[in-house]
Amino acid sequence: MAKPKKDLNYIANIEKAISEKYGAETVQNPKNLWSKEKEEQYLLQIKKLQEKTDRLQQKIEKVELSGFLISKKLLNKDSNRTCSVCSTYSFDSKDDV
């Protein structure tokens, strides 16, 4: 099968009509406006976004504990409610203070 031949005049007319309606920037190649500084900023933004996504993913990560899925965030909260003097367990959270 032969490829259909492109009509370059038709393409040029469409680009001209688009640039007249929406401005010359719409038909430019995006690489023309790209620089090394913009590339570095873009890579830095991607890195920050990935770090933020990783932190959020760690917060919602689930761990199986005795047949149940529990948020890993909940397992990291340890509180010692046992009295160091009398070794009794306290049910009141204010006793930790």
C-alpha atoms as a PDB file:
ATOM      1  CA  MET A   1       0.000   0.000   0.000  1.00  0.00           C
ATOM      2  CA  ALA A   2       1.363   3.386  -0.925  1.00  0.00           C
ATOM      3  CA  LYS A   3       1.220   6.245   1.533  1.00  0.00           C
ATOM      4  CA  PRO A   4      -1.142   9.045   0.578  1.00  0.00           C
ATOM      5  CA  LYS A   5       0.744  12.042  -0.757  1.00  0.00           C
ATOM      6  CA  LYS A   6       0.640  15.096   1.508  1.00  0.00           C
ATOM      7  CA  ASP A   7      -0.600  18.289  -0.046  1.00  0.00           C
ATOM      8  CA  LEU A   8       1.875  20.857   1.312  1.00  0.00           C
ATOM      9  CA  ASN A   9      -0.227  23.777   0.080  1.00  0.00           C
ATOM     10  CA  TYR A  10      -3.203  22.527   2.086  1.00  0.00           C
ATOM     11  CA  ILE A  11      -1.051  22.198   5.223  1.00  0.00           C
ATOM     12  CA  ALA A  12       0.381  25.693   4.708  1.00  0.00           C
ATOM     13  CA  ASN A  13      -3.111  27.152   4.271  1.00  0.00           C
ATOM     14  CA  ILE A  14      -4.302  25.503   7.478  1.00  0.00           C
ATOM     15  CA  GLU A  15      -1.281  26.795   9.428  1.00  0.00           C
ATOM     16  CA  LYS A  16      -1.846  30.275   8.023  1.00  0.00           C
ATOM     17  CA  ALA A  17      -5.523  30.234   9.012  1.00  0.00           C
ATOM     18  CA  ILE A  18      -4.689  29.020  12.523  1.00  0.00           C
ATOM     19  CA  SER A  19      -1.990  31.669  13.000  1.00  0.00           C
ATOM     20  CA  GLU A  20      -4.355  34.408  11.833  1.00  0.00           C
ATOM     21  CA  LYS A  21      -7.113  33.282  14.178  1.00  0.00           C
ATOM     22  CA  TYR A  22      -5.089  32.333  17.286  1.00  0.00           C
ATOM     23  CA  GLY A  23      -1.730  34.069  16.812  1.00  0.00           C
ATOM     24  CA  ALA A  24       1.679  33.110  15.438  1.00  0.00           C
ATOM     25  CA  GLU A  25       2.723  31.260  18.636  1.00  0.00           C
ATOM     26  CA  THR A  26       0.186  28.489  18.024  1.00  0.00           C
ATOM     27  CA  VAL A  27       1.946  27.156  14.923  1.00  0.00           C
ATOM     28  CA  GLN A  28       5.510  27.409  16.288  1.00  0.00           C
ATOM     29  CA  ASN A  29       7.520  24.377  17.296  1.00  0.00           C
ATOM     30  CA  PRO A  30       7.681  24.288  21.126  1.00  0.00           C
ATOM     31  CA  LYS A  31      11.403  23.446  20.972  1.00  0.00           C
ATOM     32  CA  ASN A  32      12.125  26.942  19.645  1.00  0.00           C
ATOM     33  CA  LEU A  33      11.284  28.519  23.007  1.00  0.00           C
ATOM     34  CA  TRP A  34      12.986  25.849  25.156  1.00  0.00           C
ATOM     35  CA  SER A  35      16.360  26.536  26.796  1.00  0.00           C
ATOM     36  CA  LYS A  36      18.723  24.751  29.180  1.00  0.00           C
ATOM     37  CA  GLU A  37      17.471  26.861  32.096  1.00  0.00           C
ATOM     38  CA  LYS A  38      13.881  25.882  31.388  1.00  0.00           C
ATOM     39  CA  GLU A  39      14.946  22.247  31.120  1.00  0.00           C
ATOM     40  CA  GLU A  40      16.666  22.402  34.532  1.00  0.00           C
ATOM     41  CA  GLN A  41      13.615  24.052  36.107  1.00  0.00           C
ATOM     42  CA  TYR A  42      11.353  21.432  34.556  1.00  0.00           C
ATOM     43  CA  LEU A  43      13.503  18.559  35.853  1.00  0.00           C
ATOM     44  CA  LEU A  44      13.577  20.133  39.320  1.00  0.00           C
ATOM     45  CA  GLN A  45       9.780  20.449  39.312  1.00  0.00           C
ATOM     46  CA  ILE A  46       9.419  16.803  38.295  1.00  0.00           C
ATOM     47  CA  LYS A  47      11.787  15.741  41.086  1.00  0.00           C
ATOM     48  CA  LYS A  48       9.831  17.725  43.706  1.00  0.00           C
ATOM     49  CA  LEU A  49       6.552  16.302  42.441  1.00  0.00           C
ATOM     50  CA  GLN A  50       7.894  12.747  42.643  1.00  0.00           C
ATOM     51  CA  GLU A  51       9.153  13.298  46.207  1.00  0.00           C
ATOM     52  CA  LYS A  52       5.735  14.651  47.229  1.00  0.00           C
ATOM     53  CA  THR A  53       3.998  11.705  45.567  1.00  0.00           C
ATOM     54  CA  ASP A  54       6.317   9.261  47.365  1.00  0.00           C
ATOM     55  CA  ARG A  55       5.566  10.876  50.752  1.00  0.00           C
ATOM     56  CA  LEU A  56       1.816  10.690  50.133  1.00  0.00           C
ATOM     57  CA  GLN A  57       2.108   7.077  48.989  1.00  0.00           C
ATOM     58  CA  GLN A  58       3.943   6.146  52.195  1.00  0.00           C
ATOM     59  CA  LYS A  59       1.169   7.725  54.271  1.00  0.00           C
ATOM     60  CA  ILE A  60      -1.583   5.677  52.644  1.00  0.00           C
ATOM     61  CA  GLU A  61       0.393   2.442  52.392  1.00  0.00           C
ATOM     62  CA  LYS A  62      -1.448  -0.477  53.994  1.00  0.00           C
ATOM     63  CA  VAL A  63       0.106  -3.269  56.073  1.00  0.00           C
ATOM     64  CA  GLU A  64      -1.558  -6.584  56.897  1.00  0.00           C
ATOM     65  CA  LEU A  65      -1.760  -7.191  60.625  1.00  0.00           C
ATOM     66  CA  SER A  66      -3.658 -10.246  61.922  1.00  0.00           C
ATOM     67  CA  GLY A  67      -5.745 -10.522  58.785  1.00  0.00           C
ATOM     68  CA  PHE A  68      -6.637  -6.828  58.506  1.00  0.00           C
ATOM     69  CA  LEU A  69      -5.198  -4.073  56.360  1.00  0.00           C
ATOM     70  CA  ILE A  70      -4.096  -1.188  58.556  1.00  0.00           C
ATOM     71  CA  SER A  71      -2.601   2.105  57.450  1.00  0.00           C
ATOM     72  CA  LYS A  72       1.141   2.176  58.027  1.00  0.00           C
ATOM     73  CA  LYS A  73       0.688   5.697  59.349  1.00  0.00           C
ATOM     74  CA  LEU A  74      -1.289   4.350  62.310  1.00  0.00           C
ATOM     75  CA  LEU A  75       1.366   1.802  63.234  1.00  0.00           C
ATOM     76  CA  ASN A  76       4.062   4.441  63.662  1.00  0.00           C
ATOM     77  CA  LYS A  77       2.257   6.178  66.516  1.00  0.00           C
ATOM     78  CA  ASP A  78       3.562   4.621  69.701  1.00  0.00           C
ATOM     79  CA  SER A  79       2.579   5.974  73.050  1.00  0.00           C
ATOM     80  CA  ASN A  80       3.761   4.627  76.343  1.00  0.00           C
ATOM     81  CA  ARG A  81       0.822   4.707  78.707  1.00  0.00           C
ATOM     82  CA  THR A  82       2.368   2.479  81.305  1.00  0.00           C
ATOM     83  CA  CYS A  83       3.326   4.285  84.461  1.00  0.00           C
ATOM     84  CA  SER A  84       7.057   4.045  85.145  1.00  0.00           C
ATOM     85  CA  VAL A  85       6.466   4.106  88.905  1.00  0.00           C
ATOM     86  CA  CYS A  86       3.538   1.737  89.505  1.00  0.00           C
ATOM     87  CA  SER A  87       3.544  -0.137  86.125  1.00  0.00           C
ATOM     88  CA  THR A  88      -0.214   0.280  85.599  1.00  0.00           C
ATOM     89  CA  TYR A  89      -1.762   1.035  82.220  1.00  0.00           C
ATOM     90  CA  SER A  90      -3.521   4.362  81.869  1.00  0.00           C
ATOM     91  CA  PHE A  91      -6.544   4.789  79.593  1.00  0.00           C
ATOM     92  CA  ASP A  92      -6.447   8.586  79.711  1.00  0.00           C
ATOM     93  CA  SER A  93      -4.243  10.277  77.101  1.00  0.00           C
ATOM     94  CA  LYS A  94      -3.604  13.196  79.446  1.00  0.00           C
ATOM     95  CA  ASP A  95      -1.640  10.923  81.757  1.00  0.00           C
ATOM     96  CA  ASP A  96       1.206  10.821  79.227  1.00  0.00           C
ATOM     97  CA  VAL A  97       1.850  14.492  79.934  1.00  0.00           C
END
